[in-house]
N, C-alpha and C. Protein backbone atom coordinates (compact mmCIF):
# COMPACT_ATOMS: atom_id res chain seq x y z
N MET A 1 32.43 -24.54 40.10
CA MET A 1 31.00 -24.64 39.93
C MET A 1 30.58 -26.10 40.01
N ASP A 2 29.59 -26.35 40.81
CA ASP A 2 29.05 -27.69 40.96
C ASP A 2 27.99 -27.91 39.88
N LEU A 3 28.33 -28.70 38.86
CA LEU A 3 27.43 -28.92 37.74
C LEU A 3 26.14 -29.62 38.15
N ARG A 4 26.22 -30.51 39.12
CA ARG A 4 25.01 -31.21 39.57
C ARG A 4 24.02 -30.22 40.17
N ALA A 5 24.51 -29.31 40.99
CA ALA A 5 23.63 -28.31 41.60
C ALA A 5 23.06 -27.38 40.53
N TYR A 6 23.89 -27.00 39.56
CA TYR A 6 23.46 -26.13 38.47
C TYR A 6 22.29 -26.77 37.71
N TYR A 7 22.45 -27.99 37.27
CA TYR A 7 21.40 -28.66 36.51
C TYR A 7 20.19 -29.00 37.38
N ARG A 8 20.40 -29.25 38.66
CA ARG A 8 19.29 -29.50 39.58
C ARG A 8 18.42 -28.24 39.68
N LYS A 9 19.06 -27.07 39.78
CA LYS A 9 18.32 -25.81 39.84
C LYS A 9 17.52 -25.59 38.56
N ILE A 10 18.16 -25.87 37.42
CA ILE A 10 17.48 -25.70 36.13
C ILE A 10 16.26 -26.61 36.05
N ARG A 11 16.43 -27.89 36.41
CA ARG A 11 15.30 -28.83 36.34
C ARG A 11 14.18 -28.43 37.28
N ALA A 12 14.53 -27.97 38.49
CA ALA A 12 13.51 -27.57 39.46
C ALA A 12 12.74 -26.35 38.96
N LEU A 13 13.45 -25.38 38.43
CA LEU A 13 12.78 -24.18 37.93
C LEU A 13 11.95 -24.50 36.70
N GLU A 14 12.46 -25.34 35.83
CA GLU A 14 11.71 -25.73 34.64
C GLU A 14 10.40 -26.43 35.03
N ALA A 15 10.46 -27.27 36.04
CA ALA A 15 9.26 -27.98 36.50
C ALA A 15 8.23 -27.02 37.10
N SER A 16 8.69 -25.91 37.65
CA SER A 16 7.77 -24.96 38.27
C SER A 16 7.08 -24.06 37.25
N ILE A 17 7.58 -24.01 36.03
CA ILE A 17 6.96 -23.21 34.96
C ILE A 17 5.85 -24.06 34.35
N GLU A 18 4.62 -23.55 34.42
CA GLU A 18 3.46 -24.35 34.04
C GLU A 18 3.20 -24.41 32.54
N THR A 19 3.59 -23.40 31.80
CA THR A 19 3.31 -23.37 30.37
C THR A 19 4.51 -23.85 29.56
N ALA A 20 4.27 -24.15 28.29
CA ALA A 20 5.36 -24.62 27.43
C ALA A 20 6.37 -23.51 27.16
N ASP A 21 5.89 -22.28 27.11
CA ASP A 21 6.76 -21.13 26.89
C ASP A 21 6.60 -20.16 28.06
N ALA A 22 7.64 -19.38 28.31
CA ALA A 22 7.59 -18.41 29.40
C ALA A 22 8.14 -17.08 28.91
N VAL A 23 7.59 -16.01 29.45
CA VAL A 23 8.10 -14.68 29.13
C VAL A 23 9.16 -14.34 30.17
N VAL A 24 10.33 -13.93 29.68
CA VAL A 24 11.42 -13.53 30.58
C VAL A 24 11.78 -12.08 30.32
N VAL A 25 12.29 -11.45 31.35
CA VAL A 25 12.75 -10.06 31.27
C VAL A 25 14.25 -10.08 31.49
N SER A 26 14.99 -9.54 30.52
CA SER A 26 16.44 -9.58 30.61
C SER A 26 16.94 -8.68 31.72
N GLN A 27 18.13 -9.03 32.22
CA GLN A 27 18.79 -8.21 33.23
C GLN A 27 20.12 -7.74 32.66
N GLU A 28 20.60 -6.65 33.17
CA GLU A 28 21.88 -6.13 32.71
C GLU A 28 22.99 -7.10 33.10
N THR A 29 23.86 -7.37 32.14
CA THR A 29 24.97 -8.29 32.40
C THR A 29 26.28 -7.62 32.02
N PRO A 30 27.39 -8.08 32.58
CA PRO A 30 28.69 -7.46 32.27
C PRO A 30 29.09 -7.61 30.80
N ASP A 31 28.54 -8.61 30.11
CA ASP A 31 28.91 -8.81 28.70
C ASP A 31 28.01 -8.04 27.74
N GLY A 32 27.28 -7.04 28.25
CA GLY A 32 26.49 -6.18 27.37
C GLY A 32 25.01 -6.46 27.34
N GLY A 33 24.52 -7.36 28.19
CA GLY A 33 23.09 -7.64 28.25
C GLY A 33 22.31 -6.41 28.66
N LYS A 34 21.23 -6.15 27.95
CA LYS A 34 20.42 -4.96 28.18
C LYS A 34 19.26 -5.31 29.11
N ALA A 35 19.05 -4.53 30.13
CA ALA A 35 17.99 -4.80 31.10
C ALA A 35 16.63 -4.39 30.56
N GLY A 36 15.60 -5.18 30.91
CA GLY A 36 14.22 -4.81 30.61
C GLY A 36 13.65 -5.31 29.30
N MET A 37 14.42 -6.05 28.52
CA MET A 37 13.91 -6.57 27.25
C MET A 37 13.11 -7.84 27.53
N MET A 38 11.87 -7.88 27.02
CA MET A 38 11.04 -9.06 27.24
C MET A 38 11.02 -9.92 25.99
N THR A 39 10.99 -11.23 26.21
CA THR A 39 10.88 -12.17 25.10
C THR A 39 10.23 -13.46 25.61
N GLU A 40 9.65 -14.20 24.67
CA GLU A 40 9.02 -15.47 25.01
C GLU A 40 9.94 -16.59 24.55
N VAL A 41 10.27 -17.48 25.47
CA VAL A 41 11.21 -18.57 25.17
C VAL A 41 10.66 -19.87 25.73
N PRO A 42 11.15 -21.02 25.23
CA PRO A 42 10.75 -22.30 25.81
C PRO A 42 11.15 -22.36 27.29
N ARG A 43 10.39 -23.11 28.07
CA ARG A 43 10.61 -23.09 29.53
C ARG A 43 12.00 -23.57 29.93
N LEU A 44 12.61 -24.49 29.20
CA LEU A 44 13.96 -24.94 29.54
C LEU A 44 14.95 -23.78 29.41
N LEU A 45 14.84 -23.02 28.33
CA LEU A 45 15.73 -21.87 28.14
C LEU A 45 15.45 -20.80 29.18
N ALA A 46 14.18 -20.60 29.51
CA ALA A 46 13.83 -19.62 30.54
C ALA A 46 14.47 -20.01 31.87
N ALA A 47 14.39 -21.28 32.23
CA ALA A 47 14.98 -21.74 33.48
C ALA A 47 16.49 -21.53 33.47
N ARG A 48 17.12 -21.83 32.35
CA ARG A 48 18.58 -21.66 32.25
C ARG A 48 18.97 -20.19 32.39
N LEU A 49 18.23 -19.30 31.72
CA LEU A 49 18.54 -17.87 31.81
C LEU A 49 18.37 -17.33 33.23
N VAL A 50 17.35 -17.81 33.92
CA VAL A 50 17.12 -17.36 35.30
C VAL A 50 18.22 -17.87 36.22
N VAL A 51 18.59 -19.15 36.08
CA VAL A 51 19.64 -19.71 36.92
C VAL A 51 20.97 -19.01 36.67
N GLU A 52 21.23 -18.63 35.43
CA GLU A 52 22.47 -17.93 35.10
C GLU A 52 22.39 -16.43 35.40
N GLU A 53 21.27 -15.98 35.93
CA GLU A 53 21.02 -14.59 36.31
C GLU A 53 21.14 -13.63 35.13
N LYS A 54 20.76 -14.10 33.96
CA LYS A 54 20.73 -13.24 32.78
C LYS A 54 19.33 -12.69 32.54
N ALA A 55 18.34 -13.31 33.19
CA ALA A 55 16.95 -12.86 33.04
C ALA A 55 16.17 -13.28 34.28
N ARG A 56 14.95 -12.74 34.37
CA ARG A 56 14.03 -13.17 35.43
C ARG A 56 12.71 -13.47 34.76
N LEU A 57 11.90 -14.29 35.42
CA LEU A 57 10.58 -14.58 34.88
C LEU A 57 9.71 -13.35 34.99
N ALA A 58 8.92 -13.08 33.98
CA ALA A 58 8.02 -11.93 33.99
C ALA A 58 6.84 -12.21 34.91
N THR A 59 6.31 -11.16 35.51
CA THR A 59 5.11 -11.31 36.31
C THR A 59 3.94 -11.57 35.37
N GLU A 60 2.80 -11.99 35.92
CA GLU A 60 1.63 -12.25 35.08
C GLU A 60 1.20 -10.98 34.35
N GLU A 61 1.27 -9.85 35.04
CA GLU A 61 0.90 -8.57 34.43
C GLU A 61 1.83 -8.24 33.28
N GLU A 62 3.14 -8.42 33.47
CA GLU A 62 4.11 -8.14 32.41
C GLU A 62 3.89 -9.08 31.23
N ALA A 63 3.63 -10.35 31.53
CA ALA A 63 3.43 -11.33 30.46
C ALA A 63 2.18 -11.02 29.65
N SER A 64 1.10 -10.62 30.31
CA SER A 64 -0.13 -10.30 29.57
C SER A 64 0.05 -9.02 28.76
N ARG A 65 0.78 -8.04 29.29
CA ARG A 65 1.06 -6.82 28.53
C ARG A 65 1.94 -7.15 27.31
N PHE A 66 2.92 -8.03 27.50
CA PHE A 66 3.79 -8.44 26.41
C PHE A 66 2.97 -9.14 25.32
N ALA A 67 2.06 -10.04 25.71
CA ALA A 67 1.22 -10.75 24.74
C ALA A 67 0.34 -9.77 23.97
N ALA A 68 -0.23 -8.78 24.67
CA ALA A 68 -1.07 -7.78 24.01
C ALA A 68 -0.24 -6.95 23.03
N ASP A 69 0.97 -6.58 23.43
CA ASP A 69 1.86 -5.81 22.54
C ASP A 69 2.22 -6.62 21.29
N MET A 70 2.51 -7.91 21.47
CA MET A 70 2.86 -8.75 20.34
C MET A 70 1.66 -8.93 19.40
N LYS A 71 0.47 -9.06 19.96
CA LYS A 71 -0.74 -9.20 19.15
C LYS A 71 -0.97 -7.94 18.33
N GLU A 72 -0.79 -6.78 18.93
CA GLU A 72 -0.96 -5.51 18.23
C GLU A 72 0.11 -5.35 17.14
N ALA A 73 1.34 -5.73 17.43
CA ALA A 73 2.42 -5.65 16.44
C ALA A 73 2.12 -6.56 15.25
N LYS A 74 1.58 -7.73 15.52
CA LYS A 74 1.22 -8.67 14.45
C LYS A 74 0.10 -8.08 13.59
N ARG A 75 -0.90 -7.46 14.22
CA ARG A 75 -2.01 -6.85 13.49
C ARG A 75 -1.49 -5.74 12.57
N ILE A 76 -0.61 -4.90 13.10
CA ILE A 76 -0.06 -3.81 12.31
C ILE A 76 0.77 -4.35 11.15
N SER A 77 1.56 -5.38 11.41
CA SER A 77 2.38 -5.98 10.37
C SER A 77 1.50 -6.58 9.26
N ASP A 78 0.47 -7.32 9.65
CA ASP A 78 -0.44 -7.91 8.67
C ASP A 78 -1.13 -6.82 7.84
N GLU A 79 -1.49 -5.74 8.50
CA GLU A 79 -2.14 -4.62 7.81
C GLU A 79 -1.19 -4.00 6.79
N ARG A 80 0.06 -3.81 7.15
CA ARG A 80 1.06 -3.24 6.23
C ARG A 80 1.29 -4.15 5.03
N VAL A 81 1.35 -5.45 5.29
CA VAL A 81 1.55 -6.40 4.19
C VAL A 81 0.35 -6.35 3.24
N ALA A 82 -0.85 -6.33 3.80
CA ALA A 82 -2.05 -6.28 2.97
C ALA A 82 -2.10 -4.99 2.14
N ASN A 83 -1.68 -3.89 2.72
CA ASN A 83 -1.70 -2.62 2.00
C ASN A 83 -0.62 -2.53 0.93
N SER A 84 0.45 -3.29 1.08
CA SER A 84 1.55 -3.20 0.11
C SER A 84 1.40 -4.17 -1.06
N GLN A 85 0.43 -5.06 -0.98
CA GLN A 85 0.26 -6.02 -2.06
C GLN A 85 -0.40 -5.37 -3.27
N VAL A 86 0.06 -5.75 -4.43
CA VAL A 86 -0.49 -5.25 -5.68
C VAL A 86 -1.56 -6.24 -6.13
N ARG A 87 -2.73 -5.71 -6.41
CA ARG A 87 -3.82 -6.57 -6.86
C ARG A 87 -3.98 -6.40 -8.37
N VAL A 88 -4.06 -7.52 -9.07
CA VAL A 88 -4.16 -7.50 -10.52
C VAL A 88 -5.40 -8.28 -10.92
N ALA A 89 -6.15 -7.72 -11.85
CA ALA A 89 -7.32 -8.41 -12.40
C ALA A 89 -7.13 -8.50 -13.91
N LEU A 90 -7.30 -9.69 -14.45
CA LEU A 90 -7.18 -9.89 -15.88
C LEU A 90 -8.58 -9.90 -16.48
N ILE A 91 -8.75 -9.08 -17.53
CA ILE A 91 -10.04 -9.07 -18.21
C ILE A 91 -9.78 -9.18 -19.71
N SER A 92 -10.77 -9.69 -20.42
CA SER A 92 -10.62 -9.88 -21.86
C SER A 92 -10.76 -8.53 -22.57
N ASP A 93 -10.34 -8.51 -23.85
CA ASP A 93 -10.47 -7.30 -24.65
C ASP A 93 -11.94 -6.90 -24.76
N ALA A 94 -12.80 -7.88 -24.95
CA ALA A 94 -14.23 -7.59 -25.10
C ALA A 94 -14.79 -6.96 -23.83
N ASP A 95 -14.41 -7.48 -22.70
CA ASP A 95 -14.87 -6.90 -21.44
C ASP A 95 -14.34 -5.49 -21.26
N MET A 96 -13.12 -5.25 -21.70
CA MET A 96 -12.53 -3.93 -21.59
C MET A 96 -13.30 -2.92 -22.44
N ARG A 97 -13.62 -3.34 -23.67
CA ARG A 97 -14.40 -2.45 -24.54
C ARG A 97 -15.78 -2.20 -23.95
N ARG A 98 -16.38 -3.23 -23.38
CA ARG A 98 -17.70 -3.07 -22.76
C ARG A 98 -17.63 -2.08 -21.60
N LEU A 99 -16.57 -2.17 -20.81
CA LEU A 99 -16.41 -1.24 -19.69
C LEU A 99 -16.22 0.19 -20.17
N LYS A 100 -15.53 0.34 -21.30
CA LYS A 100 -15.29 1.67 -21.85
C LYS A 100 -16.51 2.20 -22.58
N GLY A 101 -17.49 1.33 -22.86
CA GLY A 101 -18.71 1.77 -23.52
C GLY A 101 -18.69 1.58 -25.01
N GLY A 102 -17.68 0.95 -25.54
CA GLY A 102 -17.58 0.73 -26.98
C GLY A 102 -18.35 -0.51 -27.39
N LYS A 103 -18.47 -0.68 -28.72
CA LYS A 103 -19.14 -1.88 -29.25
C LYS A 103 -18.19 -3.06 -29.20
N GLU A 104 -18.79 -4.23 -29.01
CA GLU A 104 -18.01 -5.45 -28.98
C GLU A 104 -17.89 -6.00 -30.38
N ASP A 105 -16.69 -6.35 -30.78
CA ASP A 105 -16.45 -6.94 -32.10
C ASP A 105 -16.78 -8.41 -32.00
N SER A 106 -17.63 -8.91 -32.88
CA SER A 106 -18.06 -10.31 -32.82
C SER A 106 -16.91 -11.27 -33.04
N ARG A 107 -15.90 -10.87 -33.80
CA ARG A 107 -14.75 -11.75 -34.04
C ARG A 107 -13.89 -11.89 -32.80
N THR A 108 -13.74 -10.82 -32.01
CA THR A 108 -12.90 -10.90 -30.82
C THR A 108 -13.64 -11.55 -29.66
N SER A 109 -14.97 -11.56 -29.71
CA SER A 109 -15.73 -12.13 -28.61
C SER A 109 -15.63 -13.64 -28.58
N ARG A 110 -15.20 -14.24 -29.70
CA ARG A 110 -15.05 -15.69 -29.71
C ARG A 110 -13.72 -16.13 -29.12
N GLY A 111 -12.93 -15.17 -28.67
CA GLY A 111 -11.69 -15.55 -28.00
C GLY A 111 -10.47 -15.53 -28.89
N ARG A 112 -10.63 -15.18 -30.20
CA ARG A 112 -9.48 -15.17 -31.08
C ARG A 112 -8.59 -13.96 -30.84
N GLY A 113 -9.20 -12.86 -30.52
CA GLY A 113 -8.43 -11.66 -30.26
C GLY A 113 -7.85 -11.04 -31.51
N ILE A 114 -8.34 -11.41 -32.70
CA ILE A 114 -7.82 -10.88 -33.95
C ILE A 114 -8.88 -9.95 -34.53
N SER A 115 -8.50 -8.77 -34.85
CA SER A 115 -9.46 -7.87 -35.47
C SER A 115 -8.96 -7.55 -36.86
N ARG A 116 -9.85 -7.60 -37.82
CA ARG A 116 -9.49 -7.34 -39.23
C ARG A 116 -10.06 -6.00 -39.61
N GLU A 117 -9.19 -5.12 -39.99
CA GLU A 117 -9.63 -3.79 -40.38
C GLU A 117 -9.29 -3.51 -41.79
């Protein structure tokens, strides 16, 4: 393998990628690489994967579909996190009695929280 040619190809391909990151589509490889998996990687890594024939650059249509899918997955994830959070509200004893409709004890309303019976 000619290392100069290898790195020359990587640099040339990297220069042709206009964005900082690129979407690549994996190709089937003898070491178990699965074909058709899309991912977003830095352009240097994208160029290396393409030169090594482990992936190809995604078309604009594939890249926009991938971005839309990732945006939707993020929205769903954020929604699940928001739904799973426990919300707690702290209220004073006096406020609790007021909400229940009971009378407020003047001694507890001063913040002491001690009731003498």
